[in-house]
C-alpha atoms as a PDB file:
ATOM      1  CA  MET A   1       0.000   0.000   0.000  1.00  0.00           C
ATOM      2  CA  ILE A   2       1.225   3.516  -0.838  1.00  0.00           C
ATOM      3  CA  ILE A   3       0.281   6.266   1.592  1.00  0.00           C
ATOM      4  CA  ILE A   4      -0.383   9.502  -0.262  1.00  0.00           C
ATOM      5  CA  SER A   5       0.014  12.998   1.089  1.00  0.00           C
ATOM      6  CA  SER A   6      -2.282  15.801  -0.047  1.00  0.00           C
ATOM      7  CA  THR A   7      -0.268  16.572  -3.191  1.00  0.00           C
ATOM      8  CA  LYS A   8      -1.752  17.102  -6.631  1.00  0.00           C
ATOM      9  CA  GLU A   9      -0.542  13.798  -8.123  1.00  0.00           C
ATOM     10  CA  GLY A  10       0.230  10.526  -6.411  1.00  0.00           C
ATOM     11  CA  ILE A  11       3.347   9.975  -8.568  1.00  0.00           C
ATOM     12  CA  ARG A  12       4.840  12.509 -11.000  1.00  0.00           C
ATOM     13  CA  HIS A  13       7.626  12.035 -13.561  1.00  0.00           C
ATOM     14  CA  GLU A  14       8.777  15.042 -15.548  1.00  0.00           C
ATOM     15  CA  ASN A  15      11.176  15.089 -18.523  1.00  0.00           C
ATOM     16  CA  CYS A  16      12.362  11.505 -18.040  1.00  0.00           C
ATOM     17  CA  ASP A  17      13.464   8.794 -20.463  1.00  0.00           C
ATOM     18  CA  GLU A  18      13.350   5.053 -19.742  1.00  0.00           C
ATOM     19  CA  VAL A  19      10.480   5.223 -17.216  1.00  0.00           C
ATOM     20  CA  LEU A  20       8.858   2.032 -15.932  1.00  0.00           C
ATOM     21  CA  ILE A  21       5.850   2.322 -13.638  1.00  0.00           C
ATOM     22  CA  ASP A  22       4.459  -1.130 -12.859  1.00  0.00           C
ATOM     23  CA  GLY A  23       2.264  -2.563 -10.140  1.00  0.00           C
ATOM     24  CA  VAL A  24       1.136   0.646  -8.429  1.00  0.00           C
ATOM     25  CA  SER A  25      -2.128   0.552  -6.500  1.00  0.00           C
ATOM     26  CA  LEU A  26      -3.512   3.798  -5.097  1.00  0.00           C
ATOM     27  CA  GLN A  27      -6.336   2.807  -2.773  1.00  0.00           C
ATOM     28  CA  GLU A  28      -6.556   5.007   0.305  1.00  0.00           C
ATOM     29  CA  ASN A  29      -6.750   8.779   0.771  1.00  0.00           C
ATOM     30  CA  THR A  30      -6.877   9.376  -2.998  1.00  0.00           C
ATOM     31  CA  GLU A  31     -10.014  11.519  -3.251  1.00  0.00           C
ATOM     32  CA  SER A  32      -7.996  14.745  -2.998  1.00  0.00           C
ATOM     33  CA  LEU A  33      -5.586  13.767  -5.809  1.00  0.00           C
ATOM     34  CA  SER A  34      -6.116  15.150  -9.301  1.00  0.00           C
ATOM     35  CA  SER A  35      -4.402  12.054 -10.760  1.00  0.00           C
ATOM     36  CA  GLY A  36      -2.673   8.905  -9.601  1.00  0.00           C
ATOM     37  CA  ILE A  37       0.189   8.964 -12.128  1.00  0.00           C
ATOM     38  CA  ALA A  38       1.305  12.057 -14.075  1.00  0.00           C
ATOM     39  CA  TYR A  39       3.938  11.892 -16.820  1.00  0.00           C
ATOM     40  CA  SER A  40       4.863  15.320 -18.174  1.00  0.00           C
ATOM     41  CA  ILE A  41       7.313  16.452 -20.840  1.00  0.00           C
ATOM     42  CA  THR A  42       8.112  20.147 -21.117  1.00  0.00           C
ATOM     43  CA  LYS A  43      11.440  20.296 -22.966  1.00  0.00           C
ATOM     44  CA  ASP A  44      11.654  20.579 -26.756  1.00  0.00           C
ATOM     45  CA  ARG A  45      13.177  17.179 -27.432  1.00  0.00           C
ATOM     46  CA  ILE A  46      12.244  13.531 -27.963  1.00  0.00           C
ATOM     47  CA  PHE A  47      11.621  11.391 -24.881  1.00  0.00           C
ATOM     48  CA  ARG A  48      11.591   7.603 -25.210  1.00  0.00           C
ATOM     49  CA  ASN A  49      10.533   4.357 -23.596  1.00  0.00           C
ATOM     50  CA  LEU A  50       7.731   5.128 -21.186  1.00  0.00           C
ATOM     51  CA  ARG A  51       5.998   1.995 -19.850  1.00  0.00           C
ATOM     52  CA  ILE A  52       3.022   2.208 -17.518  1.00  0.00           C
ATOM     53  CA  SER A  53       1.264  -1.040 -16.605  1.00  0.00           C
ATOM     54  CA  ASN A  54      -0.733  -2.683 -13.836  1.00  0.00           C
ATOM     55  CA  VAL A  55      -1.766   0.606 -12.238  1.00  0.00           C
ATOM     56  CA  CYS A  56      -4.959   0.784 -10.186  1.00  0.00           C
ATOM     57  CA  ALA A  57      -6.025   4.391  -9.572  1.00  0.00           C
ATOM     58  CA  GLY A  58      -9.760   4.710  -9.872  1.00  0.00           C
ATOM     59  CA  ASN A  59     -10.763   6.966  -6.989  1.00  0.00           C
ATOM     60  CA  VAL A  60      -9.061  10.233  -8.002  1.00  0.00           C
ATOM     61  CA  LYS A  61     -10.634  13.533  -9.145  1.00  0.00           C
ATOM     62  CA  ASN A  62      -9.676  13.565 -12.847  1.00  0.00           C
ATOM     63  CA  ALA A  63      -7.771  10.673 -14.411  1.00  0.00           C
ATOM     64  CA  GLY A  64      -5.821   7.813 -12.922  1.00  0.00           C
ATOM     65  CA  ILE A  65      -3.050   8.332 -15.496  1.00  0.00           C
ATOM     66  CA  ILE A  66      -2.304  11.647 -17.223  1.00  0.00           C
ATOM     67  CA  LEU A  67       0.185  12.031 -20.073  1.00  0.00           C
ATOM     68  CA  GLU A  68       0.889  15.701 -20.761  1.00  0.00           C
ATOM     69  CA  LYS A  69       3.255  17.831 -22.810  1.00  0.00           C
ATOM     70  CA  THR A  70       4.023  21.432 -23.609  1.00  0.00           C
ATOM     71  CA  LYS A  71       5.905  23.060 -26.456  1.00  0.00           C
ATOM     72  CA  ASN A  72       7.312  20.724 -29.123  1.00  0.00           C
ATOM     73  CA  ALA A  73       8.167  17.798 -26.882  1.00  0.00           C
ATOM     74  CA  CYS A  74       7.727  14.350 -28.419  1.00  0.00           C
ATOM     75  CA  LEU A  75       7.189  10.911 -26.912  1.00  0.00           C
ATOM     76  CA  GLU A  76       8.292   7.731 -28.732  1.00  0.00           C
ATOM     77  CA  ASN A  77       8.313   3.973 -28.106  1.00  0.00           C
ATOM     78  CA  ASN A  78       5.775   3.837 -25.301  1.00  0.00           C
ATOM     79  CA  ILE A  79       3.274   1.394 -23.878  1.00  0.00           C
ATOM     80  CA  VAL A  80       0.423   2.171 -21.503  1.00  0.00           C
ATOM     81  CA  SER A  81      -1.584  -1.008 -20.943  1.00  0.00           C
ATOM     82  CA  GLY A  82      -3.219  -3.332 -18.436  1.00  0.00           C
ATOM     83  CA  ASN A  83      -4.322  -0.540 -16.095  1.00  0.00           C
ATOM     84  CA  ILE A  84      -7.467  -0.063 -14.052  1.00  0.00           C
ATOM     85  CA  ALA A  85      -7.590   3.705 -14.382  1.00  0.00           C
ATOM     86  CA  ARG A  86      -8.997   6.336 -16.689  1.00  0.00           C
ATOM     87  CA  ILE A  87      -6.235   7.598 -18.996  1.00  0.00           C
ATOM     88  CA  GLU A  88      -6.043  11.178 -20.224  1.00  0.00           C
ATOM     89  CA  ASP A  89      -3.579  11.336 -23.129  1.00  0.00           C
ATOM     90  CA  GLN A  90      -2.730  14.959 -23.905  1.00  0.00           C
ATOM     91  CA  ILE A  91       0.436  13.932 -25.789  1.00  0.00           C
ATOM     92  CA  LYS A  92      -1.288  11.890 -28.525  1.00  0.00           C
ATOM     93  CA  ASP A  93       1.893  11.112 -30.448  1.00  0.00           C
ATOM     94  CA  LYS A  94       1.533   8.478 -33.140  1.00  0.00           C
ATOM     95  CA  ASN A  95       3.985   6.042 -31.503  1.00  0.00           C
ATOM     96  CA  VAL A  96       2.138   5.752 -28.180  1.00  0.00           C
END
């Protein structure tokens, strides 16, 4: 079990390559979170190899998993699968 403080996201990764998030279950004290997992890219470059699987984050305000970007950032070679969570994909690159 992961105990969550009253932050905006349960887990946040920003501007990272080679990210693996697997087997995360957010079950208690999640009602105040905007999302369970947030992956954000803000630099104008290509980020690669994001894998998010087996995440359970259903009792959050917005989405269990949020993928977001700003500027001309790009995300390649990624898999988001096998999750019990609503996914909000703001990146929408063709290789996701």
